[in-house]
C-alpha cells in the first residue's frame, strides 16, 4: 500500500508541527548565537540560521500549496 504525503487531512498536523519547529528554532537562536561567539564559530552559526529560515519558508510554501 502506498501512502501519499498530500491530502488526507494531514495538512493541519503538518502546520502544527511546522509552527512548533519554527517556534523552537527561533526561541533558541540567541543561545546558538551565544555559543557561536564563545566558540569562534559565529559565521557557521549565522549561516546555519539563514539556511534554517530558508528551509522554513520552503516548508510553509509546500504546506500552503498542498491545501
C-alpha atoms as a PDB file:
ATOM      1  CA  UNK A   1       0.000   0.000   0.000  1.00  0.00           C
ATOM      2  CA  UNK A   2       1.335   3.419  -0.938  1.00  0.00           C
ATOM      3  CA  UNK A   3       0.921   6.374   1.366  1.00  0.00           C
ATOM      4  CA  UNK A   4       0.718   9.883  -0.001  1.00  0.00           C
ATOM      5  CA  UNK A   5       2.033  12.906   1.877  1.00  0.00           C
ATOM      6  CA  UNK A   6      -0.647  15.044   0.276  1.00  0.00           C
ATOM      7  CA  UNK A   7      -4.234  15.424   1.358  1.00  0.00           C
ATOM      8  CA  UNK A   8      -5.966  13.078   3.739  1.00  0.00           C
ATOM      9  CA  UNK A   9      -6.299  15.668   6.495  1.00  0.00           C
ATOM     10  CA  UNK A  10      -2.582  15.659   7.237  1.00  0.00           C
ATOM     11  CA  UNK A  11      -2.109  19.336   6.494  1.00  0.00           C
ATOM     12  CA  UNK A  12      -3.395  20.539   9.902  1.00  0.00           C
ATOM     13  CA  UNK A  13      -0.917  18.237  11.649  1.00  0.00           C
ATOM     14  CA  UNK A  14       1.917  19.410   9.390  1.00  0.00           C
ATOM     15  CA  UNK A  15       1.011  23.015  10.139  1.00  0.00           C
ATOM     16  CA  UNK A  16       1.140  22.376  13.870  1.00  0.00           C
ATOM     17  CA  UNK A  17       4.475  20.589  13.548  1.00  0.00           C
ATOM     18  CA  UNK A  18       5.918  23.363  11.367  1.00  0.00           C
ATOM     19  CA  UNK A  19       4.708  26.005  13.827  1.00  0.00           C
ATOM     20  CA  UNK A  20       6.333  24.130  16.699  1.00  0.00           C
ATOM     21  CA  UNK A  21       9.567  23.757  14.731  1.00  0.00           C
ATOM     22  CA  UNK A  22       9.646  27.479  13.878  1.00  0.00           C
ATOM     23  CA  UNK A  23       8.930  28.460  17.471  1.00  0.00           C
ATOM     24  CA  UNK A  24      11.596  26.115  18.833  1.00  0.00           C
ATOM     25  CA  UNK A  25      14.329  27.247  16.440  1.00  0.00           C
ATOM     26  CA  UNK A  26      13.599  30.927  16.873  1.00  0.00           C
ATOM     27  CA  UNK A  27      13.463  30.554  20.632  1.00  0.00           C
ATOM     28  CA  UNK A  28      16.960  29.044  20.591  1.00  0.00           C
ATOM     29  CA  UNK A  29      18.579  31.438  18.065  1.00  0.00           C
ATOM     30  CA  UNK A  30      20.042  33.670  20.803  1.00  0.00           C
ATOM     31  CA  UNK A  31      21.557  30.603  22.503  1.00  0.00           C
ATOM     32  CA  UNK A  32      23.011  29.367  19.223  1.00  0.00           C
ATOM     33  CA  UNK A  33      24.474  32.824  18.575  1.00  0.00           C
ATOM     34  CA  UNK A  34      25.978  32.988  22.062  1.00  0.00           C
ATOM     35  CA  UNK A  35      27.596  29.574  21.646  1.00  0.00           C
ATOM     36  CA  UNK A  36      28.858  30.622  18.223  1.00  0.00           C
ATOM     37  CA  UNK A  37      30.519  33.711  19.696  1.00  0.00           C
ATOM     38  CA  UNK A  38      32.037  31.746  22.550  1.00  0.00           C
ATOM     39  CA  UNK A  39      33.450  29.048  20.266  1.00  0.00           C
ATOM     40  CA  UNK A  40      34.546  31.371  17.471  1.00  0.00           C
ATOM     41  CA  UNK A  41      32.028  29.854  15.040  1.00  0.00           C
ATOM     42  CA  UNK A  42      29.821  32.912  14.520  1.00  0.00           C
ATOM     43  CA  UNK A  43      29.880  32.648  10.734  1.00  0.00           C
ATOM     44  CA  UNK A  44      28.903  28.980  10.834  1.00  0.00           C
ATOM     45  CA  UNK A  45      26.015  29.660  13.232  1.00  0.00           C
ATOM     46  CA  UNK A  46      24.711  32.611  11.214  1.00  0.00           C
ATOM     47  CA  UNK A  47      24.886  30.555   8.018  1.00  0.00           C
ATOM     48  CA  UNK A  48      23.022  27.709   9.734  1.00  0.00           C
ATOM     49  CA  UNK A  49      20.321  30.081  10.975  1.00  0.00           C
ATOM     50  CA  UNK A  50      19.943  31.592   7.484  1.00  0.00           C
ATOM     51  CA  UNK A  51      19.628  28.137   5.887  1.00  0.00           C
ATOM     52  CA  UNK A  52      17.115  27.100   8.552  1.00  0.00           C
ATOM     53  CA  UNK A  53      14.989  30.183   7.823  1.00  0.00           C
ATOM     54  CA  UNK A  54      15.091  29.397   4.091  1.00  0.00           C
ATOM     55  CA  UNK A  55      14.033  25.803   4.777  1.00  0.00           C
ATOM     56  CA  UNK A  56      11.187  27.013   6.993  1.00  0.00           C
ATOM     57  CA  UNK A  57       9.971  29.237   4.144  1.00  0.00           C
ATOM     58  CA  UNK A  58      10.057  26.249   1.775  1.00  0.00           C
ATOM     59  CA  UNK A  59       8.114  24.109   4.249  1.00  0.00           C
ATOM     60  CA  UNK A  60       5.418  26.793   4.629  1.00  0.00           C
ATOM     61  CA  UNK A  61       5.178  27.187   0.852  1.00  0.00           C
ATOM     62  CA  UNK A  62       4.782  23.428   0.425  1.00  0.00           C
ATOM     63  CA  UNK A  63       2.113  23.244   3.134  1.00  0.00           C
ATOM     64  CA  UNK A  64       0.173  26.143   1.596  1.00  0.00           C
ATOM     65  CA  UNK A  65       0.476  24.597  -1.863  1.00  0.00           C
ATOM     66  CA  UNK A  66      -0.890  21.318  -0.503  1.00  0.00           C
ATOM     67  CA  UNK A  67      -4.105  22.948   0.720  1.00  0.00           C
END
